[in-house]
Amino acid sequence: MPNTTVIPVLAYDDVRAASAWLCAAFGFKERLRIGEHRAQLVIGDGAVIVNKRRAQPDGATLPMGGHEIMVRVDDVDSHYERAQTHGARILQSPTDFPYGERQYGVEDPGGHIWTFSQTIADIAPEKWGGTLVASDGATR
């Protein structure tokens, strides 16, 4: 994961084209590719994730144009409990992923989608299907 606390996740129909455009137009650098559905881009000490636009079961795109906000936390499980206590709409309960993150998804009262993520292991991207494109001081 990029070594930053808040990471916007922006949905596009074509992840490769969006990534190339953001790099060319805004000066981002592609850090990591994950298949054809996701890429991590960095700039300075910031980051953004470019994600394949997903459809909900009824075929509609995600609320609010398909963006998400990713936030790194120290303890996903206690954060999840807090969010539940305050009535957040849980979209995905805490789950361990092969790329070394434990994450849960939630929708806030305004319809914004949030993913809260805790690093639980430092796994090389090649071991779970990612491709490390570039590394610099802003990544880990």
C-alpha atoms as a PDB file:
ATOM      1  CA  MET A   1       0.000   0.000   0.000  1.00  0.00           C
ATOM      2  CA  PRO A   2       1.156   3.545  -0.549  1.00  0.00           C
ATOM      3  CA  ASN A   3       2.540   4.969   2.680  1.00  0.00           C
ATOM      4  CA  THR A   4      -0.111   7.630   3.150  1.00  0.00           C
ATOM      5  CA  THR A   5      -3.119   7.766   5.460  1.00  0.00           C
ATOM      6  CA  VAL A   6      -5.975   8.794   3.129  1.00  0.00           C
ATOM      7  CA  ILE A   7      -6.088   7.332  -0.369  1.00  0.00           C
ATOM      8  CA  PRO A   8      -8.844   8.346  -2.812  1.00  0.00           C
ATOM      9  CA  VAL A   9     -10.083   5.491  -5.007  1.00  0.00           C
ATOM     10  CA  LEU A  10     -11.406   6.746  -8.339  1.00  0.00           C
ATOM     11  CA  ALA A  11     -13.409   4.554 -10.702  1.00  0.00           C
ATOM     12  CA  TYR A  12     -12.874   4.555 -14.468  1.00  0.00           C
ATOM     13  CA  ASP A  13     -14.113   2.389 -17.309  1.00  0.00           C
ATOM     14  CA  ASP A  14     -10.534   1.827 -18.573  1.00  0.00           C
ATOM     15  CA  VAL A  15      -7.957   1.642 -15.781  1.00  0.00           C
ATOM     16  CA  ARG A  16      -4.901   1.602 -18.110  1.00  0.00           C
ATOM     17  CA  ALA A  17      -6.056   4.631 -20.098  1.00  0.00           C
ATOM     18  CA  ALA A  18      -6.989   6.554 -16.939  1.00  0.00           C
ATOM     19  CA  SER A  19      -3.652   5.734 -15.309  1.00  0.00           C
ATOM     20  CA  ALA A  20      -1.706   6.830 -18.391  1.00  0.00           C
ATOM     21  CA  TRP A  21      -3.688  10.062 -18.643  1.00  0.00           C
ATOM     22  CA  LEU A  22      -3.283  10.933 -14.934  1.00  0.00           C
ATOM     23  CA  CYS A  23       0.463  10.313 -15.199  1.00  0.00           C
ATOM     24  CA  ALA A  24       0.829  12.395 -18.353  1.00  0.00           C
ATOM     25  CA  ALA A  25      -1.526  15.232 -17.406  1.00  0.00           C
ATOM     26  CA  PHE A  26      -0.971  15.545 -13.660  1.00  0.00           C
ATOM     27  CA  GLY A  27       2.506  14.090 -13.109  1.00  0.00           C
ATOM     28  CA  PHE A  28       1.515  10.983 -11.157  1.00  0.00           C
ATOM     29  CA  LYS A  29       3.801   7.939 -11.334  1.00  0.00           C
ATOM     30  CA  GLU A  30       2.373   4.470 -11.616  1.00  0.00           C
ATOM     31  CA  ARG A  31       3.589   2.449  -8.629  1.00  0.00           C
ATOM     32  CA  LEU A  32       1.689  -0.808  -8.942  1.00  0.00           C
ATOM     33  CA  ARG A  33      -0.593  -2.566 -11.441  1.00  0.00           C
ATOM     34  CA  ILE A  34      -3.102  -5.154 -10.339  1.00  0.00           C
ATOM     35  CA  GLY A  35      -4.389  -6.970 -13.385  1.00  0.00           C
ATOM     36  CA  GLU A  36      -6.533  -4.765 -15.582  1.00  0.00           C
ATOM     37  CA  HIS A  37      -8.783  -3.617 -12.723  1.00  0.00           C
ATOM     38  CA  ARG A  38      -6.592  -1.500 -10.425  1.00  0.00           C
ATOM     39  CA  ALA A  39      -3.468   0.677 -10.262  1.00  0.00           C
ATOM     40  CA  GLN A  40      -1.749   2.640  -7.527  1.00  0.00           C
ATOM     41  CA  LEU A  41      -0.404   6.053  -8.511  1.00  0.00           C
ATOM     42  CA  VAL A  42       1.842   8.268  -6.384  1.00  0.00           C
ATOM     43  CA  ILE A  43       2.836  11.901  -6.413  1.00  0.00           C
ATOM     44  CA  GLY A  44       4.988  13.459  -3.719  1.00  0.00           C
ATOM     45  CA  ASP A  45       3.796  11.965  -0.430  1.00  0.00           C
ATOM     46  CA  GLY A  46       0.276  11.418  -1.785  1.00  0.00           C
ATOM     47  CA  ALA A  47      -1.424   8.602  -3.630  1.00  0.00           C
ATOM     48  CA  VAL A  48      -4.542   7.726  -5.568  1.00  0.00           C
ATOM     49  CA  ILE A  49      -5.917   4.358  -6.609  1.00  0.00           C
ATOM     50  CA  VAL A  50      -7.456   3.967 -10.054  1.00  0.00           C
ATOM     51  CA  ASN A  51     -10.110   1.263  -9.967  1.00  0.00           C
ATOM     52  CA  LYS A  52     -12.286  -0.425 -12.583  1.00  0.00           C
ATOM     53  CA  ARG A  53     -15.797   1.005 -12.387  1.00  0.00           C
ATOM     54  CA  ARG A  54     -17.978  -1.636 -10.760  1.00  0.00           C
ATOM     55  CA  ALA A  55     -21.662  -2.272 -11.135  1.00  0.00           C
ATOM     56  CA  GLN A  56     -23.997  -3.200  -8.324  1.00  0.00           C
ATOM     57  CA  PRO A  57     -26.156  -6.335  -8.666  1.00  0.00           C
ATOM     58  CA  ASP A  58     -28.963  -4.276 -10.218  1.00  0.00           C
ATOM     59  CA  GLY A  59     -26.512  -2.997 -12.875  1.00  0.00           C
ATOM     60  CA  ALA A  60     -26.282   0.532 -11.446  1.00  0.00           C
ATOM     61  CA  THR A  61     -22.843   2.046 -10.937  1.00  0.00           C
ATOM     62  CA  LEU A  62     -21.616   2.819  -7.438  1.00  0.00           C
ATOM     63  CA  PRO A  63     -23.202   5.807  -5.682  1.00  0.00           C
ATOM     64  CA  MET A  64     -21.655   9.265  -6.092  1.00  0.00           C
ATOM     65  CA  GLY A  65     -20.150   8.468  -9.498  1.00  0.00           C
ATOM     66  CA  GLY A  66     -18.169   5.454  -8.348  1.00  0.00           C
ATOM     67  CA  HIS A  67     -15.527   6.981  -6.114  1.00  0.00           C
ATOM     68  CA  GLU A  68     -14.285   5.646  -2.803  1.00  0.00           C
ATOM     69  CA  ILE A  69     -12.057   6.913  -0.051  1.00  0.00           C
ATOM     70  CA  MET A  70      -9.478   4.569   1.455  1.00  0.00           C
ATOM     71  CA  VAL A  71      -8.120   5.289   4.918  1.00  0.00           C
ATOM     72  CA  ARG A  72      -5.299   3.408   6.606  1.00  0.00           C
ATOM     73  CA  VAL A  73      -5.966   2.642  10.281  1.00  0.00           C
ATOM     74  CA  ASP A  74      -4.009   0.866  13.013  1.00  0.00           C
ATOM     75  CA  ASP A  75      -6.798  -1.544  14.026  1.00  0.00           C
ATOM     76  CA  VAL A  76      -9.479  -2.396  11.453  1.00  0.00           C
ATOM     77  CA  ASP A  77     -11.543  -4.503  13.840  1.00  0.00           C
ATOM     78  CA  SER A  78     -11.982  -1.823  16.510  1.00  0.00           C
ATOM     79  CA  HIS A  79     -12.607   0.769  13.794  1.00  0.00           C
ATOM     80  CA  TYR A  80     -15.276  -1.509  12.311  1.00  0.00           C
ATOM     81  CA  GLU A  81     -16.968  -1.890  15.706  1.00  0.00           C
ATOM     82  CA  ARG A  82     -17.016   1.877  16.147  1.00  0.00           C
ATOM     83  CA  ALA A  83     -18.519   2.420  12.694  1.00  0.00           C
ATOM     84  CA  GLN A  84     -21.213  -0.189  13.402  1.00  0.00           C
ATOM     85  CA  THR A  85     -22.023   1.445  16.746  1.00  0.00           C
ATOM     86  CA  HIS A  86     -22.654   4.721  14.953  1.00  0.00           C
ATOM     87  CA  GLY A  87     -24.978   3.186  12.364  1.00  0.00           C
ATOM     88  CA  ALA A  88     -22.669   3.012   9.341  1.00  0.00           C
ATOM     89  CA  ARG A  89     -24.004   0.814   6.544  1.00  0.00           C
ATOM     90  CA  ILE A  90     -21.518  -2.049   6.332  1.00  0.00           C
ATOM     91  CA  LEU A  91     -20.789  -3.172   2.764  1.00  0.00           C
ATOM     92  CA  GLN A  92     -18.060  -5.696   3.633  1.00  0.00           C
ATOM     93  CA  SER A  93     -17.028  -6.920   7.062  1.00  0.00           C
ATOM     94  CA  PRO A  94     -13.292  -7.022   7.962  1.00  0.00           C
ATOM     95  CA  THR A  95     -11.538  -9.391   5.589  1.00  0.00           C
ATOM     96  CA  ASP A  96      -7.898 -10.434   5.175  1.00  0.00           C
ATOM     97  CA  PHE A  97      -6.624 -10.113   1.607  1.00  0.00           C
ATOM     98  CA  PRO A  98      -3.661 -11.922   0.006  1.00  0.00           C
ATOM     99  CA  TYR A  99      -1.895  -8.602  -0.612  1.00  0.00           C
ATOM    100  CA  GLY A 100      -1.357  -8.135   3.125  1.00  0.00           C
ATOM    101  CA  GLU A 101      -4.238  -5.852   4.041  1.00  0.00           C
ATOM    102  CA  ARG A 102      -7.218  -6.369   6.348  1.00  0.00           C
ATOM    103  CA  GLN A 103     -10.074  -4.176   5.122  1.00  0.00           C
ATOM    104  CA  TYR A 104     -13.744  -3.421   5.546  1.00  0.00           C
ATOM    105  CA  GLY A 105     -16.120  -1.344   3.437  1.00  0.00           C
ATOM    106  CA  VAL A 106     -18.840   1.022   4.565  1.00  0.00           C
ATOM    107  CA  GLU A 107     -21.251   3.594   3.178  1.00  0.00           C
ATOM    108  CA  ASP A 108     -21.744   6.836   5.084  1.00  0.00           C
ATOM    109  CA  PRO A 109     -25.102   8.648   5.418  1.00  0.00           C
ATOM    110  CA  GLY A 110     -24.263  10.775   2.361  1.00  0.00           C
ATOM    111  CA  GLY A 111     -23.795   7.709   0.144  1.00  0.00           C
ATOM    112  CA  HIS A 112     -19.987   7.938   0.071  1.00  0.00           C
ATOM    113  CA  ILE A 113     -18.110   4.630   0.006  1.00  0.00           C
ATOM    114  CA  TRP A 114     -15.196   4.163   2.419  1.00  0.00           C
ATOM    115  CA  THR A 115     -12.637   1.366   2.726  1.00  0.00           C
ATOM    116  CA  PHE A 116     -10.651   1.168   5.964  1.00  0.00           C
ATOM    117  CA  SER A 117      -7.413  -0.781   5.672  1.00  0.00           C
ATOM    118  CA  GLN A 118      -4.822  -2.162   8.083  1.00  0.00           C
ATOM    119  CA  THR A 119      -1.514  -3.593   6.877  1.00  0.00           C
ATOM    120  CA  ILE A 120      -1.102  -7.061   8.371  1.00  0.00           C
ATOM    121  CA  ALA A 121       1.795  -8.376   6.239  1.00  0.00           C
ATOM    122  CA  ASP A 122       4.308  -7.042   3.740  1.00  0.00           C
ATOM    123  CA  ILE A 123       3.677  -9.288   0.723  1.00  0.00           C
ATOM    124  CA  ALA A 124       5.575  -8.845  -2.543  1.00  0.00           C
ATOM    125  CA  PRO A 125       3.102  -7.889  -5.317  1.00  0.00           C
ATOM    126  CA  GLU A 126       4.317 -10.742  -7.522  1.00  0.00           C
ATOM    127  CA  LYS A 127       3.060 -13.244  -4.909  1.00  0.00           C
ATOM    128  CA  TRP A 128      -0.593 -12.140  -5.286  1.00  0.00           C
ATOM    129  CA  GLY A 129      -0.760 -11.109  -8.938  1.00  0.00           C
ATOM    130  CA  GLY A 130       0.413  -7.482  -8.809  1.00  0.00           C
ATOM    131  CA  THR A 131       3.257  -5.904 -10.745  1.00  0.00           C
ATOM    132  CA  LEU A 132       5.479  -3.364  -9.000  1.00  0.00           C
ATOM    133  CA  VAL A 133       6.106  -0.694 -11.621  1.00  0.00           C
ATOM    134  CA  ALA A 134       8.110   1.875  -9.638  1.00  0.00           C
ATOM    135  CA  SER A 135       9.233   2.491  -6.103  1.00  0.00           C
ATOM    136  CA  ASP A 136      10.296   5.723  -4.446  1.00  0.00           C
ATOM    137  CA  GLY A 137      10.367   7.308  -1.021  1.00  0.00           C
ATOM    138  CA  ALA A 138       6.571   7.811  -1.041  1.00  0.00           C
ATOM    139  CA  THR A 139       5.810   4.099  -1.219  1.00  0.00           C
ATOM    140  CA  ARG A 140       6.387   1.082   0.932  1.00  0.00           C
END
